[in-house]
Amino acid sequence: MESQSNPHKRQKLGFENYSDSKVLSDITIRYGASGERTFEGHRLLLSAKSYWFKAAFTGQFAESSAKEITLKEDDPDALRAMLNYAYDEKSVPWPDDSLAGTTFDIHHILDLYRVGDKYDFPSFRLQLIFRLMTALRRWFSRPSEPSIGYAAESEEFCEIIRKVYDIVGSEHQEDQDLVETFLQAIDEHPSARILNNTGGKQGIIVKASREVAEFGRDIFLHLMYIVGTEDHKDGTVSTTELCTGIKVRGLLRDLLKNR
């Protein structure tokens, strides 16, 4: 046993030392296409981080007494990142800074969010939501590149929105945090907002609303929520009106047609 009088030789304490470690491990997690990858986990810690693992390890399920479990149909790298995060919240593998705010960055965040949502891991999801908001702000702020073209940029955003609704489902909760993050990012950015738009991304949002019916529904409901008057503490009143005219009416017409 190491002497307490020489702390410099002692290993720093922390859960990160036990990530994928056989030391005190009481569960082996198999994952990957055929369960070829493994992670040595700790029931207590995983149950304290994830409602899915808590139910699996403490409920009346086979996993509660099994020495080994197999997780299926997950992106193996995203799942590994989530498991590592349970032990070390600084371990999430982000893309290089040069890719921050790019379509690649947003897809990477959504892939991580998918596993965090599936395994009901609140703190992991929350960090991803913060990261996603930053990425969306950068994406909306970047100038359109002539080499890519408007049509390609629109399709990029449509693919992102399709992935969002593939993750949350069409009948998601009204305040689902992933959807709310997109609506908030769109609403706060001058180039993307539907109301009082001063930039060039509005058409991309409208196209995605037409291409993905669930997104169009949520955009419309969001617009109905924010339109009206707001009283301020200084006694002034501000009014937000639907100023997109034909575009919003056309969007509503498309939504009703697709029902």
C-alpha atoms as a PDB file:
ATOM      1  CA  MET A   1       0.000   0.000   0.000  1.00  0.00           C
ATOM      2  CA  GLU A   2       1.352   3.440  -1.008  1.00  0.00           C
ATOM      3  CA  SER A   3       2.383   5.789   1.730  1.00  0.00           C
ATOM      4  CA  GLN A   4       0.026   8.701   2.332  1.00  0.00           C
ATOM      5  CA  SER A   5       3.065  10.853   3.073  1.00  0.00           C
ATOM      6  CA  ASN A   6       4.011  10.948  -0.623  1.00  0.00           C
ATOM      7  CA  PRO A   7       0.841  12.094  -2.448  1.00  0.00           C
ATOM      8  CA  HIS A   8       2.719  12.802  -5.722  1.00  0.00           C
ATOM      9  CA  LYS A   9       3.015   9.078  -6.394  1.00  0.00           C
ATOM     10  CA  ARG A  10      -0.662   8.427  -5.798  1.00  0.00           C
ATOM     11  CA  GLN A  11      -3.168   8.213  -8.647  1.00  0.00           C
ATOM     12  CA  LYS A  12      -5.629  11.072  -8.853  1.00  0.00           C
ATOM     13  CA  LEU A  13      -9.051  10.077  -7.542  1.00  0.00           C
ATOM     14  CA  GLY A  14     -12.064  10.166  -9.822  1.00  0.00           C
ATOM     15  CA  PHE A  15     -14.613   7.998 -11.592  1.00  0.00           C
ATOM     16  CA  GLU A  16     -12.720   8.448 -14.864  1.00  0.00           C
ATOM     17  CA  ASN A  17     -10.151   5.945 -13.570  1.00  0.00           C
ATOM     18  CA  TYR A  18     -12.811   3.226 -13.705  1.00  0.00           C
ATOM     19  CA  SER A  19     -14.160   3.871 -17.204  1.00  0.00           C
ATOM     20  CA  ASP A  20     -14.004   0.543 -19.063  1.00  0.00           C
ATOM     21  CA  SER A  21     -11.951  -0.895 -16.222  1.00  0.00           C
ATOM     22  CA  LYS A  22     -12.255  -4.377 -14.778  1.00  0.00           C
ATOM     23  CA  VAL A  23     -11.461  -2.928 -11.362  1.00  0.00           C
ATOM     24  CA  LEU A  24     -14.685  -3.289  -9.337  1.00  0.00           C
ATOM     25  CA  SER A  25     -16.617  -3.858 -12.590  1.00  0.00           C
ATOM     26  CA  ASP A  26     -19.775  -5.891 -12.153  1.00  0.00           C
ATOM     27  CA  ILE A  27     -21.247  -5.745 -15.673  1.00  0.00           C
ATOM     28  CA  THR A  28     -19.806  -6.308 -19.150  1.00  0.00           C
ATOM     29  CA  ILE A  29     -21.626  -4.383 -21.880  1.00  0.00           C
ATOM     30  CA  ARG A  30     -21.392  -5.821 -25.366  1.00  0.00           C
ATOM     31  CA  TYR A  31     -22.234  -3.609 -28.334  1.00  0.00           C
ATOM     32  CA  GLY A  32     -21.497  -3.196 -32.032  1.00  0.00           C
ATOM     33  CA  ALA A  33     -22.976  -4.905 -35.085  1.00  0.00           C
ATOM     34  CA  SER A  34     -22.516  -8.376 -33.613  1.00  0.00           C
ATOM     35  CA  GLY A  35     -21.619  -7.556 -30.016  1.00  0.00           C
ATOM     36  CA  GLU A  36     -17.913  -7.637 -30.811  1.00  0.00           C
ATOM     37  CA  ARG A  37     -17.048  -4.581 -28.718  1.00  0.00           C
ATOM     38  CA  THR A  38     -17.110  -4.540 -24.930  1.00  0.00           C
ATOM     39  CA  PHE A  39     -17.182  -2.018 -22.101  1.00  0.00           C
ATOM     40  CA  GLU A  40     -16.513  -2.945 -18.481  1.00  0.00           C
ATOM     41  CA  GLY A  41     -19.096  -1.042 -16.472  1.00  0.00           C
ATOM     42  CA  HIS A  42     -20.331  -0.480 -12.928  1.00  0.00           C
ATOM     43  CA  ARG A  43     -24.032  -0.916 -12.235  1.00  0.00           C
ATOM     44  CA  LEU A  44     -24.252   1.669  -9.461  1.00  0.00           C
ATOM     45  CA  LEU A  45     -22.652   4.475 -11.450  1.00  0.00           C
ATOM     46  CA  LEU A  46     -24.554   3.772 -14.677  1.00  0.00           C
ATOM     47  CA  SER A  47     -27.836   3.532 -12.735  1.00  0.00           C
ATOM     48  CA  ALA A  48     -27.137   6.942 -11.206  1.00  0.00           C
ATOM     49  CA  LYS A  49     -26.698   8.514 -14.663  1.00  0.00           C
ATOM     50  CA  SER A  50     -29.234   6.788 -16.903  1.00  0.00           C
ATOM     51  CA  TYR A  51     -32.879   5.957 -16.245  1.00  0.00           C
ATOM     52  CA  TRP A  52     -32.633   3.105 -18.765  1.00  0.00           C
ATOM     53  CA  PHE A  53     -29.751   1.468 -16.909  1.00  0.00           C
ATOM     54  CA  LYS A  54     -31.430   2.116 -13.572  1.00  0.00           C
ATOM     55  CA  ALA A  55     -34.553   0.272 -14.740  1.00  0.00           C
ATOM     56  CA  ALA A  56     -32.503  -2.534 -16.299  1.00  0.00           C
ATOM     57  CA  PHE A  57     -30.306  -3.120 -13.253  1.00  0.00           C
ATOM     58  CA  THR A  58     -32.850  -2.598 -10.483  1.00  0.00           C
ATOM     59  CA  GLY A  59     -36.087  -3.827 -12.061  1.00  0.00           C
ATOM     60  CA  GLN A  60     -37.520  -7.246 -12.756  1.00  0.00           C
ATOM     61  CA  PHE A  61     -35.489  -7.772 -15.904  1.00  0.00           C
ATOM     62  CA  ALA A  62     -32.911 -10.367 -16.912  1.00  0.00           C
ATOM     63  CA  GLU A  63     -30.265  -7.595 -16.930  1.00  0.00           C
ATOM     64  CA  SER A  64     -30.679  -7.090 -13.183  1.00  0.00           C
ATOM     65  CA  SER A  65     -28.751 -10.290 -12.427  1.00  0.00           C
ATOM     66  CA  ALA A  66     -26.815 -10.865 -15.657  1.00  0.00           C
ATOM     67  CA  LYS A  67     -23.036 -10.570 -15.716  1.00  0.00           C
ATOM     68  CA  GLU A  68     -23.157  -9.422 -19.321  1.00  0.00           C
ATOM     69  CA  ILE A  69     -25.674  -7.530 -21.455  1.00  0.00           C
ATOM     70  CA  THR A  70     -25.770  -6.785 -25.178  1.00  0.00           C
ATOM     71  CA  LEU A  71     -26.947  -3.440 -26.529  1.00  0.00           C
ATOM     72  CA  LYS A  72     -28.147  -3.568 -30.109  1.00  0.00           C
ATOM     73  CA  GLU A  73     -28.801  -1.223 -33.028  1.00  0.00           C
ATOM     74  CA  ASP A  74     -26.682   1.676 -31.773  1.00  0.00           C
ATOM     75  CA  ASP A  75     -23.901   3.664 -33.381  1.00  0.00           C
ATOM     76  CA  PRO A  76     -20.975   1.985 -31.565  1.00  0.00           C
ATOM     77  CA  ASP A  77     -18.825   5.118 -31.377  1.00  0.00           C
ATOM     78  CA  ALA A  78     -21.711   7.219 -30.065  1.00  0.00           C
ATOM     79  CA  LEU A  79     -22.578   4.554 -27.483  1.00  0.00           C
ATOM     80  CA  ARG A  80     -18.955   4.360 -26.366  1.00  0.00           C
ATOM     81  CA  ALA A  81     -18.881   8.151 -25.987  1.00  0.00           C
ATOM     82  CA  MET A  82     -22.004   8.041 -23.817  1.00  0.00           C
ATOM     83  CA  LEU A  83     -20.617   5.295 -21.573  1.00  0.00           C
ATOM     84  CA  ASN A  84     -17.323   7.152 -21.157  1.00  0.00           C
ATOM     85  CA  TYR A  85     -19.245  10.317 -20.322  1.00  0.00           C
ATOM     86  CA  ALA A  86     -20.870   8.522 -17.377  1.00  0.00           C
ATOM     87  CA  TYR A  87     -17.410   8.391 -15.821  1.00  0.00           C
ATOM     88  CA  ASP A  88     -15.877  11.588 -17.192  1.00  0.00           C
ATOM     89  CA  GLU A  89     -17.995  14.512 -18.415  1.00  0.00           C
ATOM     90  CA  LYS A  90     -15.010  15.993 -20.245  1.00  0.00           C
ATOM     91  CA  SER A  91     -14.507  12.928 -22.425  1.00  0.00           C
ATOM     92  CA  VAL A  92     -16.966  13.644 -25.262  1.00  0.00           C
ATOM     93  CA  PRO A  93     -15.091  13.446 -28.592  1.00  0.00           C
ATOM     94  CA  TRP A  94     -15.840  16.684 -30.477  1.00  0.00           C
ATOM     95  CA  PRO A  95     -14.747  17.280 -34.077  1.00  0.00           C
ATOM     96  CA  ASP A  96     -11.788  19.538 -34.815  1.00  0.00           C
ATOM     97  CA  ASP A  97     -12.444  23.259 -34.252  1.00  0.00           C
ATOM     98  CA  SER A  98     -12.331  23.833 -37.991  1.00  0.00           C
ATOM     99  CA  LEU A  99     -15.515  21.720 -38.276  1.00  0.00           C
ATOM    100  CA  ALA A 100     -17.410  23.503 -35.487  1.00  0.00           C
ATOM    101  CA  GLY A 101     -20.777  24.733 -36.718  1.00  0.00           C
ATOM    102  CA  THR A 102     -20.632  22.704 -39.920  1.00  0.00           C
ATOM    103  CA  THR A 103     -23.197  20.187 -41.113  1.00  0.00           C
ATOM    104  CA  PHE A 104     -20.788  17.432 -40.050  1.00  0.00           C
ATOM    105  CA  ASP A 105     -20.670  18.872 -36.521  1.00  0.00           C
ATOM    106  CA  ILE A 106     -24.473  19.011 -36.257  1.00  0.00           C
ATOM    107  CA  HIS A 107     -24.875  15.426 -37.493  1.00  0.00           C
ATOM    108  CA  HIS A 108     -22.224  14.289 -34.996  1.00  0.00           C
ATOM    109  CA  ILE A 109     -24.123  15.932 -32.136  1.00  0.00           C
ATOM    110  CA  LEU A 110     -27.406  14.371 -33.284  1.00  0.00           C
ATOM    111  CA  ASP A 111     -25.817  10.896 -33.451  1.00  0.00           C
ATOM    112  CA  LEU A 112     -24.665  11.305 -29.853  1.00  0.00           C
ATOM    113  CA  TYR A 113     -28.046  12.668 -28.812  1.00  0.00           C
ATOM    114  CA  ARG A 114     -29.797   9.646 -30.334  1.00  0.00           C
ATOM    115  CA  VAL A 115     -28.093   7.224 -27.927  1.00  0.00           C
ATOM    116  CA  GLY A 116     -28.450   9.637 -25.012  1.00  0.00           C
ATOM    117  CA  ASP A 117     -32.166   9.845 -25.706  1.00  0.00           C
ATOM    118  CA  LYS A 118     -32.582   6.088 -26.179  1.00  0.00           C
ATOM    119  CA  TYR A 119     -30.881   5.321 -22.864  1.00  0.00           C
ATOM    120  CA  ASP A 120     -32.538   8.285 -21.111  1.00  0.00           C
ATOM    121  CA  PHE A 121     -29.321   9.934 -19.978  1.00  0.00           C
ATOM    122  CA  PRO A 122     -30.340  13.491 -18.902  1.00  0.00           C
ATOM    123  CA  SER A 123     -26.952  15.096 -18.224  1.00  0.00           C
ATOM    124  CA  PHE A 124     -25.483  13.743 -21.475  1.00  0.00           C
ATOM    125  CA  ARG A 125     -28.458  15.083 -23.446  1.00  0.00           C
ATOM    126  CA  LEU A 126     -28.181  18.469 -21.752  1.00  0.00           C
ATOM    127  CA  GLN A 127     -24.521  18.926 -22.686  1.00  0.00           C
ATOM    128  CA  LEU A 128     -25.373  18.001 -26.269  1.00  0.00           C
ATOM    129  CA  ILE A 129     -28.219  20.525 -26.350  1.00  0.00           C
ATOM    130  CA  PHE A 130     -25.820  23.300 -25.310  1.00  0.00           C
ATOM    131  CA  ARG A 131     -23.331  22.190 -27.947  1.00  0.00           C
ATOM    132  CA  LEU A 132     -26.081  21.950 -30.577  1.00  0.00           C
ATOM    133  CA  MET A 133     -27.291  25.507 -29.936  1.00  0.00           C
ATOM    134  CA  THR A 134     -23.761  26.817 -30.457  1.00  0.00           C
ATOM    135  CA  ALA A 135     -23.381  24.765 -33.653  1.00  0.00           C
ATOM    136  CA  LEU A 136     -26.714  26.001 -35.050  1.00  0.00           C
ATOM    137  CA  ARG A 137     -25.832  29.637 -34.353  1.00  0.00           C
ATOM    138  CA  ARG A 138     -22.612  29.177 -36.290  1.00  0.00           C
ATOM    139  CA  TRP A 139     -24.364  27.338 -39.115  1.00  0.00           C
ATOM    140  CA  PHE A 140     -26.944  30.081 -39.563  1.00  0.00           C
ATOM    141  CA  SER A 141     -24.226  32.761 -39.368  1.00  0.00           C
ATOM    142  CA  ARG A 142     -22.009  31.325 -42.056  1.00  0.00           C
ATOM    143  CA  PRO A 143     -22.334  32.950 -45.492  1.00  0.00           C
ATOM    144  CA  SER A 144     -23.753  30.826 -48.252  1.00  0.00           C
ATOM    145  CA  GLU A 145     -20.952  29.351 -50.332  1.00  0.00           C
ATOM    146  CA  PRO A 146     -21.389  29.773 -54.106  1.00  0.00           C
ATOM    147  CA  SER A 147     -19.562  26.454 -54.637  1.00  0.00           C
ATOM    148  CA  ILE A 148     -22.267  24.644 -52.643  1.00  0.00           C
ATOM    149  CA  GLY A 149     -25.289  26.524 -53.941  1.00  0.00           C
ATOM    150  CA  TYR A 150     -28.627  27.359 -52.366  1.00  0.00           C
ATOM    151  CA  ALA A 151     -30.287  24.073 -53.367  1.00  0.00           C
ATOM    152  CA  ALA A 152     -27.504  21.982 -51.813  1.00  0.00           C
ATOM    153  CA  GLU A 153     -27.550  24.084 -48.630  1.00  0.00           C
ATOM    154  CA  SER A 154     -31.318  23.654 -48.394  1.00  0.00           C
ATOM    155  CA  GLU A 155     -30.995  19.903 -48.795  1.00  0.00           C
ATOM    156  CA  GLU A 156     -28.298  19.834 -46.087  1.00  0.00           C
ATOM    157  CA  PHE A 157     -30.720  21.449 -43.651  1.00  0.00           C
ATOM    158  CA  CYS A 158     -33.602  19.173 -44.716  1.00  0.00           C
ATOM    159  CA  GLU A 159     -31.412  16.128 -43.979  1.00  0.00           C
ATOM    160  CA  ILE A 160     -30.654  17.532 -40.530  1.00  0.00           C
ATOM    161  CA  ILE A 161     -34.367  18.086 -39.829  1.00  0.00           C
ATOM    162  CA  ARG A 162     -35.250  14.586 -41.073  1.00  0.00           C
ATOM    163  CA  LYS A 163     -32.729  13.140 -38.623  1.00  0.00           C
ATOM    164  CA  VAL A 164     -34.179  15.229 -35.764  1.00  0.00           C
ATOM    165  CA  TYR A 165     -37.669  13.817 -36.296  1.00  0.00           C
ATOM    166  CA  ASP A 166     -36.325  10.319 -36.829  1.00  0.00           C
ATOM    167  CA  ILE A 167     -34.851  10.633 -33.337  1.00  0.00           C
ATOM    168  CA  VAL A 168     -37.803  12.218 -31.519  1.00  0.00           C
ATOM    169  CA  GLY A 169     -40.658  10.647 -33.495  1.00  0.00           C
ATOM    170  CA  SER A 170     -43.632  12.424 -35.019  1.00  0.00           C
ATOM    171  CA  GLU A 171     -45.671  12.395 -31.799  1.00  0.00           C
ATOM    172  CA  HIS A 172     -43.057  13.893 -29.498  1.00  0.00           C
ATOM    173  CA  GLN A 173     -43.758  15.863 -26.340  1.00  0.00           C
ATOM    174  CA  GLU A 174     -44.632  19.512 -26.938  1.00  0.00           C
ATOM    175  CA  ASP A 175     -41.521  20.738 -25.083  1.00  0.00           C
ATOM    176  CA  GLN A 176     -39.112  18.116 -26.457  1.00  0.00           C
ATOM    177  CA  ASP A 177     -35.698  19.705 -25.900  1.00  0.00           C
ATOM    178  CA  LEU A 178     -34.176  18.788 -29.268  1.00  0.00           C
ATOM    179  CA  VAL A 179     -37.044  20.323 -31.239  1.00  0.00           C
ATOM    180  CA  GLU A 180     -37.181  23.333 -28.914  1.00  0.00           C
ATOM    181  CA  THR A 181     -33.474  23.960 -29.515  1.00  0.00           C
ATOM    182  CA  PHE A 182     -33.991  24.144 -33.274  1.00  0.00           C
ATOM    183  CA  LEU A 183     -37.031  26.415 -32.918  1.00  0.00           C
ATOM    184  CA  GLN A 184     -35.168  28.699 -30.536  1.00  0.00           C
ATOM    185  CA  ALA A 185     -32.083  28.862 -32.758  1.00  0.00           C
ATOM    186  CA  ILE A 186     -34.243  29.708 -35.769  1.00  0.00           C
ATOM    187  CA  ASP A 187     -36.262  32.299 -33.863  1.00  0.00           C
ATOM    188  CA  GLU A 188     -33.264  34.167 -32.430  1.00  0.00           C
ATOM    189  CA  HIS A 189     -31.122  34.381 -35.562  1.00  0.00           C
ATOM    190  CA  PRO A 190     -31.868  37.303 -37.930  1.00  0.00           C
ATOM    191  CA  SER A 191     -30.990  35.290 -41.029  1.00  0.00           C
ATOM    192  CA  ALA A 192     -33.223  32.332 -40.159  1.00  0.00           C
ATOM    193  CA  ARG A 193     -36.244  33.590 -38.226  1.00  0.00           C
ATOM    194  CA  ILE A 194     -39.630  33.421 -39.922  1.00  0.00           C
ATOM    195  CA  LEU A 195     -40.816  36.703 -38.389  1.00  0.00           C
ATOM    196  CA  ASN A 196     -38.994  39.987 -39.064  1.00  0.00           C
ATOM    197  CA  ASN A 197     -36.328  38.238 -41.103  1.00  0.00           C
ATOM    198  CA  THR A 198     -33.291  40.297 -42.140  1.00  0.00           C
ATOM    199  CA  GLY A 199     -31.130  37.572 -43.645  1.00  0.00           C
ATOM    200  CA  GLY A 200     -31.074  34.963 -46.361  1.00  0.00           C
ATOM    201  CA  LYS A 201     -31.783  31.660 -44.599  1.00  0.00           C
ATOM    202  CA  GLN A 202     -35.558  32.007 -44.291  1.00  0.00           C
ATOM    203  CA  GLY A 203     -36.180  30.162 -47.536  1.00  0.00           C
ATOM    204  CA  ILE A 204     -34.220  27.174 -46.215  1.00  0.00           C
ATOM    205  CA  ILE A 205     -36.452  27.020 -43.129  1.00  0.00           C
ATOM    206  CA  VAL A 206     -39.621  27.278 -45.219  1.00  0.00           C
ATOM    207  CA  LYS A 207     -38.403  24.528 -47.581  1.00  0.00           C
ATOM    208  CA  ALA A 208     -37.629  22.214 -44.646  1.00  0.00           C
ATOM    209  CA  SER A 209     -41.092  22.971 -43.222  1.00  0.00           C
ATOM    210  CA  ARG A 210     -42.620  21.793 -46.477  1.00  0.00           C
ATOM    211  CA  GLU A 211     -40.365  18.763 -46.847  1.00  0.00           C
ATOM    212  CA  VAL A 212     -40.797  17.499 -43.262  1.00  0.00           C
ATOM    213  CA  ALA A 213     -44.440  17.806 -42.246  1.00  0.00           C
ATOM    214  CA  GLU A 214     -43.766  17.421 -38.514  1.00  0.00           C
ATOM    215  CA  PHE A 215     -41.291  20.296 -38.621  1.00  0.00           C
ATOM    216  CA  GLY A 216     -43.789  22.436 -40.507  1.00  0.00           C
ATOM    217  CA  ARG A 217     -46.396  21.708 -37.853  1.00  0.00           C
ATOM    218  CA  ASP A 218     -44.019  22.631 -35.042  1.00  0.00           C
ATOM    219  CA  ILE A 219     -42.891  25.825 -36.813  1.00  0.00           C
ATOM    220  CA  PHE A 220     -46.522  26.864 -37.311  1.00  0.00           C
ATOM    221  CA  LEU A 221     -47.475  26.160 -33.685  1.00  0.00           C
ATOM    222  CA  HIS A 222     -44.372  28.042 -32.550  1.00  0.00           C
ATOM    223  CA  LEU A 223     -45.366  31.032 -34.687  1.00  0.00           C
ATOM    224  CA  MET A 224     -48.853  31.027 -33.198  1.00  0.00           C
ATOM    225  CA  TYR A 225     -47.324  31.002 -29.711  1.00  0.00           C
ATOM    226  CA  ILE A 226     -45.005  33.976 -30.237  1.00  0.00           C
ATOM    227  CA  VAL A 227     -47.370  36.198 -32.251  1.00  0.00           C
ATOM    228  CA  GLY A 228     -49.138  38.870 -30.208  1.00  0.00           C
ATOM    229  CA  THR A 229     -48.295  41.583 -27.704  1.00  0.00           C
ATOM    230  CA  GLU A 230     -45.841  41.569 -24.827  1.00  0.00           C
ATOM    231  CA  ASP A 231     -45.900  43.925 -21.836  1.00  0.00           C
ATOM    232  CA  HIS A 232     -42.504  45.075 -20.582  1.00  0.00           C
ATOM    233  CA  LYS A 233     -41.465  46.190 -17.103  1.00  0.00           C
ATOM    234  CA  ASP A 234     -40.892  49.767 -18.301  1.00  0.00           C
ATOM    235  CA  GLY A 235     -44.545  50.062 -19.302  1.00  0.00           C
ATOM    236  CA  THR A 236     -43.985  49.728 -23.042  1.00  0.00           C
ATOM    237  CA  VAL A 237     -45.761  47.169 -25.190  1.00  0.00           C
ATOM    238  CA  SER A 238     -44.200  45.411 -28.174  1.00  0.00           C
ATOM    239  CA  THR A 239     -46.162  43.699 -30.907  1.00  0.00           C
ATOM    240  CA  THR A 240     -45.063  40.787 -33.074  1.00  0.00           C
ATOM    241  CA  GLU A 241     -47.030  40.248 -36.238  1.00  0.00           C
ATOM    242  CA  LEU A 242     -47.026  37.699 -38.986  1.00  0.00           C
ATOM    243  CA  CYS A 243     -45.149  39.661 -41.616  1.00  0.00           C
ATOM    244  CA  THR A 244     -44.211  36.851 -43.986  1.00  0.00           C
ATOM    245  CA  GLY A 245     -47.493  37.117 -45.864  1.00  0.00           C
ATOM    246  CA  ILE A 246     -47.817  34.726 -48.739  1.00  0.00           C
ATOM    247  CA  LYS A 247     -44.952  32.516 -47.567  1.00  0.00           C
ATOM    248  CA  VAL A 248     -46.643  31.688 -44.251  1.00  0.00           C
ATOM    249  CA  ARG A 249     -50.050  31.272 -45.893  1.00  0.00           C
ATOM    250  CA  GLY A 250     -48.450  28.983 -48.456  1.00  0.00           C
ATOM    251  CA  LEU A 251     -46.793  26.986 -45.665  1.00  0.00           C
ATOM    252  CA  LEU A 252     -50.133  26.619 -43.876  1.00  0.00           C
ATOM    253  CA  ARG A 253     -51.793  25.552 -47.120  1.00  0.00           C
ATOM    254  CA  ASP A 254     -49.123  22.870 -47.652  1.00  0.00           C
ATOM    255  CA  LEU A 255     -49.547  21.602 -44.098  1.00  0.00           C
ATOM    256  CA  LEU A 256     -53.324  21.280 -44.470  1.00  0.00           C
ATOM    257  CA  LYS A 257     -52.876  19.566 -47.844  1.00  0.00           C
ATOM    258  CA  ASN A 258     -50.551  16.948 -46.299  1.00  0.00           C
ATOM    259  CA  ARG A 259     -52.834  16.030 -43.408  1.00  0.00           C
END
